[in-house]
Every structure is written in structure tokens, then in C-alpha cells.
Protein backbone atom coordinates (compact mmCIF):
# COMPACT_ATOMS: atom_id res chain seq x y z
CA MET A 1 -8.96 -46.46 0.01
CA GLU A 2 -6.55 -43.49 -0.71
CA ALA A 3 -2.78 -43.80 0.34
CA SER A 4 -1.66 -40.50 2.29
CA VAL A 5 1.70 -38.94 2.54
CA ASP A 6 2.70 -36.60 5.35
CA ILE A 7 4.02 -33.15 3.64
CA ASN A 8 4.61 -31.10 6.96
CA SER A 9 5.16 -31.37 10.60
CA LYS A 10 1.53 -30.82 11.56
CA GLY A 11 0.50 -34.09 9.70
CA THR A 12 -1.58 -32.55 6.92
CA ALA A 13 -2.04 -35.44 4.42
CA LEU A 14 -1.65 -34.97 0.70
CA THR A 15 -3.65 -37.67 -1.27
CA PRO A 16 -2.70 -38.50 -4.85
CA THR A 17 -5.76 -36.86 -6.00
CA LYS A 18 -4.71 -33.67 -4.24
CA ALA A 19 -1.28 -33.96 -5.33
CA VAL A 20 -2.34 -34.06 -8.92
CA ALA A 21 -4.51 -30.89 -8.26
CA ALA A 22 -1.59 -28.97 -6.41
CA SER A 23 0.80 -29.83 -9.38
CA THR A 24 -1.61 -28.54 -11.87
CA VAL A 25 -2.24 -25.11 -9.94
CA ALA A 26 1.52 -24.89 -9.56
CA SER A 27 2.27 -25.36 -13.08
CA ASP A 28 -0.43 -22.87 -14.11
CA GLU A 29 1.17 -20.36 -11.68
CA GLN A 30 4.86 -20.75 -13.17
CA PRO A 31 4.12 -19.27 -16.52
CA GLU A 32 2.54 -16.15 -14.58
CA ARG A 33 5.61 -15.95 -12.50
CA PHE A 34 8.06 -16.26 -15.25
CA LYS A 35 5.96 -13.39 -17.17
CA GLY A 36 6.39 -11.59 -14.08
CA MET A 37 10.10 -11.93 -13.84
CA ALA A 38 10.38 -11.25 -17.32
CA LEU A 39 8.71 -8.01 -17.05
CA LEU A 40 10.87 -6.85 -14.38
CA ALA A 41 14.06 -7.96 -16.11
CA ALA A 42 12.95 -6.07 -19.23
CA THR A 43 12.07 -2.99 -17.18
CA LYS A 44 15.61 -2.96 -15.51
CA ALA A 45 16.99 -3.35 -18.94
CA GLY A 46 15.05 -0.30 -20.23
CA ASP A 47 13.47 -2.35 -23.01
CA THR A 48 10.18 -0.72 -23.57
CA LYS A 49 9.53 -2.94 -26.62
CA LYS A 50 10.01 -6.10 -24.67
CA VAL A 51 7.74 -4.67 -21.98
CA SER A 52 5.07 -3.70 -24.41
CA SER A 53 5.24 -7.11 -25.67
CA LEU A 54 4.85 -8.63 -22.30
CA ILE A 55 1.77 -6.50 -21.55
CA GLY A 56 0.28 -8.20 -24.74
CA THR A 57 0.46 -11.61 -23.09
CA SER A 58 -1.61 -10.47 -20.28
CA VAL A 59 1.03 -10.31 -17.57
CA ASP A 60 0.30 -9.09 -14.13
CA ILE A 61 1.40 -5.42 -14.71
CA ASN A 62 1.77 -5.18 -10.80
CA TYR A 63 3.93 -8.31 -10.35
CA SER A 64 6.46 -7.69 -7.57
CA ALA A 65 9.87 -9.26 -6.65
CA GLU A 66 10.55 -10.35 -3.33
CA ASP A 67 11.67 -7.00 -2.27
CA GLY A 68 8.09 -5.73 -3.29
CA PHE A 69 9.57 -3.72 -6.30
CA THR A 70 7.29 -3.73 -9.41
CA ALA A 71 8.07 -2.78 -12.95
CA LEU A 72 6.68 0.74 -12.24
CA ALA A 73 8.79 1.25 -9.13
CA LEU A 74 11.85 0.31 -11.15
CA ALA A 75 11.00 2.48 -13.92
CA ALA A 76 10.80 5.20 -11.46
CA ARG A 77 13.91 4.53 -10.12
CA GLN A 78 15.67 4.61 -13.28
CA GLY A 79 13.96 7.49 -14.65
CA CYS A 80 12.66 5.77 -17.75
CA TRP A 81 9.80 8.35 -18.58
CA THR A 82 8.73 6.39 -21.65
CA LEU A 83 8.64 3.06 -19.99
CA PHE A 84 7.01 4.44 -17.10
CA GLN A 85 4.28 5.90 -19.29
CA VAL A 86 3.63 2.43 -21.05
CA LEU A 87 3.14 0.98 -17.61
CA ILE A 88 1.10 3.50 -16.46
CA ASP A 89 -1.24 3.30 -19.56
CA ALA A 90 -1.31 -0.63 -19.12
CA GLY A 91 -2.75 0.25 -15.65
CA ALA A 92 0.19 -0.36 -13.21
CA ARG A 93 -0.82 0.57 -9.52
CA THR A 94 0.80 4.15 -8.61
CA ASP A 95 0.29 3.34 -4.86
CA GLN A 96 1.89 -0.03 -4.73
CA ALA A 97 4.82 0.35 -2.13
CA SER A 98 7.78 -1.77 -1.73
CA ALA A 99 8.51 -4.13 1.29
CA ASP A 100 10.21 -0.93 3.07
CA GLY A 101 7.37 1.20 2.06
CA PHE A 102 8.79 2.92 -1.06
CA THR A 103 6.02 4.10 -3.51
CA PRO A 104 6.95 5.07 -7.14
CA LEU A 105 6.53 8.57 -5.90
CA ILE A 106 9.04 8.26 -3.29
CA ILE A 107 11.61 6.62 -5.60
CA ALA A 108 10.89 9.22 -8.21
CA ALA A 109 11.58 11.98 -5.67
CA GLN A 110 14.71 10.12 -4.10
CA ASN A 111 16.27 10.01 -7.57
CA GLY A 112 15.28 13.48 -8.94
CA HIS A 113 13.19 12.18 -11.63
CA ILE A 114 10.99 15.44 -11.95
CA ASN A 115 9.07 14.19 -14.91
CA ILE A 116 7.92 11.22 -13.51
CA LEU A 117 7.24 12.71 -10.20
CA SER A 118 4.96 15.21 -12.22
CA ILE A 119 3.01 12.34 -13.59
CA LEU A 120 2.44 10.91 -10.30
CA VAL A 121 1.28 14.35 -8.83
CA ASN A 122 -1.04 14.69 -11.78
CA LYS A 123 -2.34 11.29 -11.15
CA LEU A 124 -3.31 12.60 -7.50
CA VAL A 125 -1.31 10.15 -5.61
CA ASN A 126 -0.79 10.87 -2.01
CA VAL A 127 2.09 13.23 -1.61
CA ASP A 128 2.37 12.49 2.01
CA GLN A 129 2.73 8.77 1.74
CA THR A 130 5.35 7.46 4.08
CA SER A 131 7.86 4.55 3.97
CA GLN A 132 8.34 2.25 6.83
CA SER A 133 11.06 4.52 8.20
CA GLY A 134 8.52 7.47 8.03
CA SER A 135 10.19 9.27 5.21
CA THR A 136 8.15 11.11 2.44
CA ALA A 137 8.67 12.09 -0.91
CA LEU A 138 9.55 15.64 0.20
CA MET A 139 11.98 14.52 2.79
CA TRP A 140 13.77 12.64 0.18
CA SER A 141 13.90 15.07 -2.56
CA SER A 142 15.19 17.73 -0.10
CA HIS A 143 17.63 15.50 1.38
CA THR A 144 19.13 14.70 -2.01
CA SER A 145 18.94 18.33 -3.28
CA HIS A 146 16.47 17.75 -5.81
CA ALA A 147 15.12 21.37 -6.05
CA PRO A 148 12.50 20.68 -8.98
CA CYS A 149 11.11 17.74 -7.04
CA VAL A 150 10.88 19.67 -3.76
CA LYS A 151 9.07 22.65 -5.45
CA GLU A 152 6.41 20.25 -7.37
CA LEU A 153 5.83 18.51 -4.00
CA VAL A 154 5.32 21.45 -2.03
CA GLU A 155 3.12 23.04 -4.76
CA ALA A 156 0.99 19.71 -4.85
CA GLY A 157 0.47 20.18 -1.17
CA ALA A 158 3.08 18.07 0.63
CA THR A 159 3.23 18.60 4.34
CA VAL A 160 6.21 20.37 5.67
CA SER A 161 6.99 19.06 8.90
CA PHE A 162 9.44 19.50 11.99
CA SER A 163 12.16 17.39 10.33
CA LEU A 164 11.93 19.25 7.21
CA SER A 165 11.59 22.99 7.27
CA ILE A 166 11.63 25.49 4.38
CA ARG A 167 12.15 29.16 4.76
CA MET A 168 12.94 32.19 2.73
CA CYS A 169 16.08 34.22 3.05
CA HIS A 170 16.93 37.12 0.45
CA SER A 171 14.51 36.07 -2.32
CA GLU A 172 16.04 32.68 -2.33
CA THR A 173 14.16 29.61 -0.75
CA TYR A 174 16.21 27.39 1.36
CA TYR A 175 15.33 23.96 3.07
CA GLU A 176 16.82 22.62 6.09
CA THR A 177 17.29 19.31 7.48
CA GLY A 178 19.19 18.92 10.71
CA ARG A 179 22.06 21.41 10.55
CA HIS A 180 22.23 21.60 6.67
CA CYS A 181 20.60 24.66 5.04
CA LYS A 182 21.00 24.64 1.22
CA PRO A 183 19.41 26.72 -1.66
CA ILE A 184 16.78 25.06 -3.59
CA GLY A 185 16.70 27.38 -6.43
CA PHE A 186 13.43 28.55 -7.27
CA ASP A 187 12.00 32.17 -6.68
CA SER A 188 9.98 32.15 -3.49
CA ALA A 189 7.57 34.89 -4.27
CA ASP A 190 4.53 32.89 -4.84
CA PHE A 191 5.60 30.14 -2.28
CA ARG A 192 2.72 29.56 0.04
CA CYS A 193 3.03 26.11 1.90
CA ALA A 194 4.00 26.24 5.66
CA LYS A 195 3.64 28.39 8.43
CA TRP A 196 6.93 30.06 8.96
CA GLU A 197 8.32 30.07 12.38
């Protein structure tokens, strides 16, 4: 007869045999967790060599911290183009969102990293993906005055919504959010994206 030990308030018993099996699973998972944490730390440090080395150890390239940020999202936030490309080449998911719904595209747009944003647009990611708050990459790039990102997103077909209207005035294109109206610095002669009202 096996001895049982209560491990929670619901009375689920853990036999010695099950305890050994559970500890084996936990110890097998630990190296993967540590590799994932090392990948995130190396990405934060901008250490492309270390990230490449970890990729060679079969690390989960899409490992995320508690906030849902992956190495790709961190590289997008930091604007590390080379590191970002290494992660893409290793198969990192371009659509994986953080706990708040921020994708690498939204993060790149928010921070004005046009080179990273262009890679993602060329990978045909959803340019209208929204975060949990309902914001899109276009909304963030316009709010943070990143004109090249605005242009790239609009040309890629991003939806211009009621909360973000883009209008032309004297051969300059302006974006308007709420009460603010700022030039975004590109020629609007070829600009065909929204129904002007």
C-alpha cells in the first residue's frame, strides 16, 4: 500500500511514485526555463553572439517572461536590427503578443524603429492587430510622431480609423489625433489610403 500526502486543499493525493515522476518533470523543465531566461537577458543586453549561441542549444525561441515579452519583442523595443534578424531567422513568431497585447510590430512602431517595422511588414504581419487597449501600430507611430513608420504602415494598408485621421494640406500630410495636428514629413502626392471627410 502506498502512502499518500495531501498537496492542496482539494485533497489531491501525491503518492511517492507520482512525486518522483513530478520531480523528474520539474527538473527536466528547469533547464528550458533557464535557457529561456538567459535568452531574454542576452537580448536585453543586445548580445547577438550569446543569443546565437543559445539558439544553437535548442532554446525555445518564443519563450516569454511573465509579462509575455519574448526575445523578439525585446529586440523590437530596443531597435536591435541584427539581433532581430537573427531571431527571425531562427523562427521567432512575429505575431506573438505580450500580456497587454503588444506585438513586435506595435512595439517597433511605438519606438520608431522603421527598419524592424519594415521587416515585419514584409513578413505580411497583420498591420491592424490591436493591443488589449485597442491601439494599433499606426496609432502608436502617429502618437509618438514617427513619420516614417506612419508612412510605411499606411502604404502597407493599415486602417485609418476615426481616432486617427490623416489629411493633406498644402502638399504636406498631417495626422490628427484628438486636438493635435502635426506634419509627418512626407510628400502626399501619391498618398491614397483613406476616405477624406
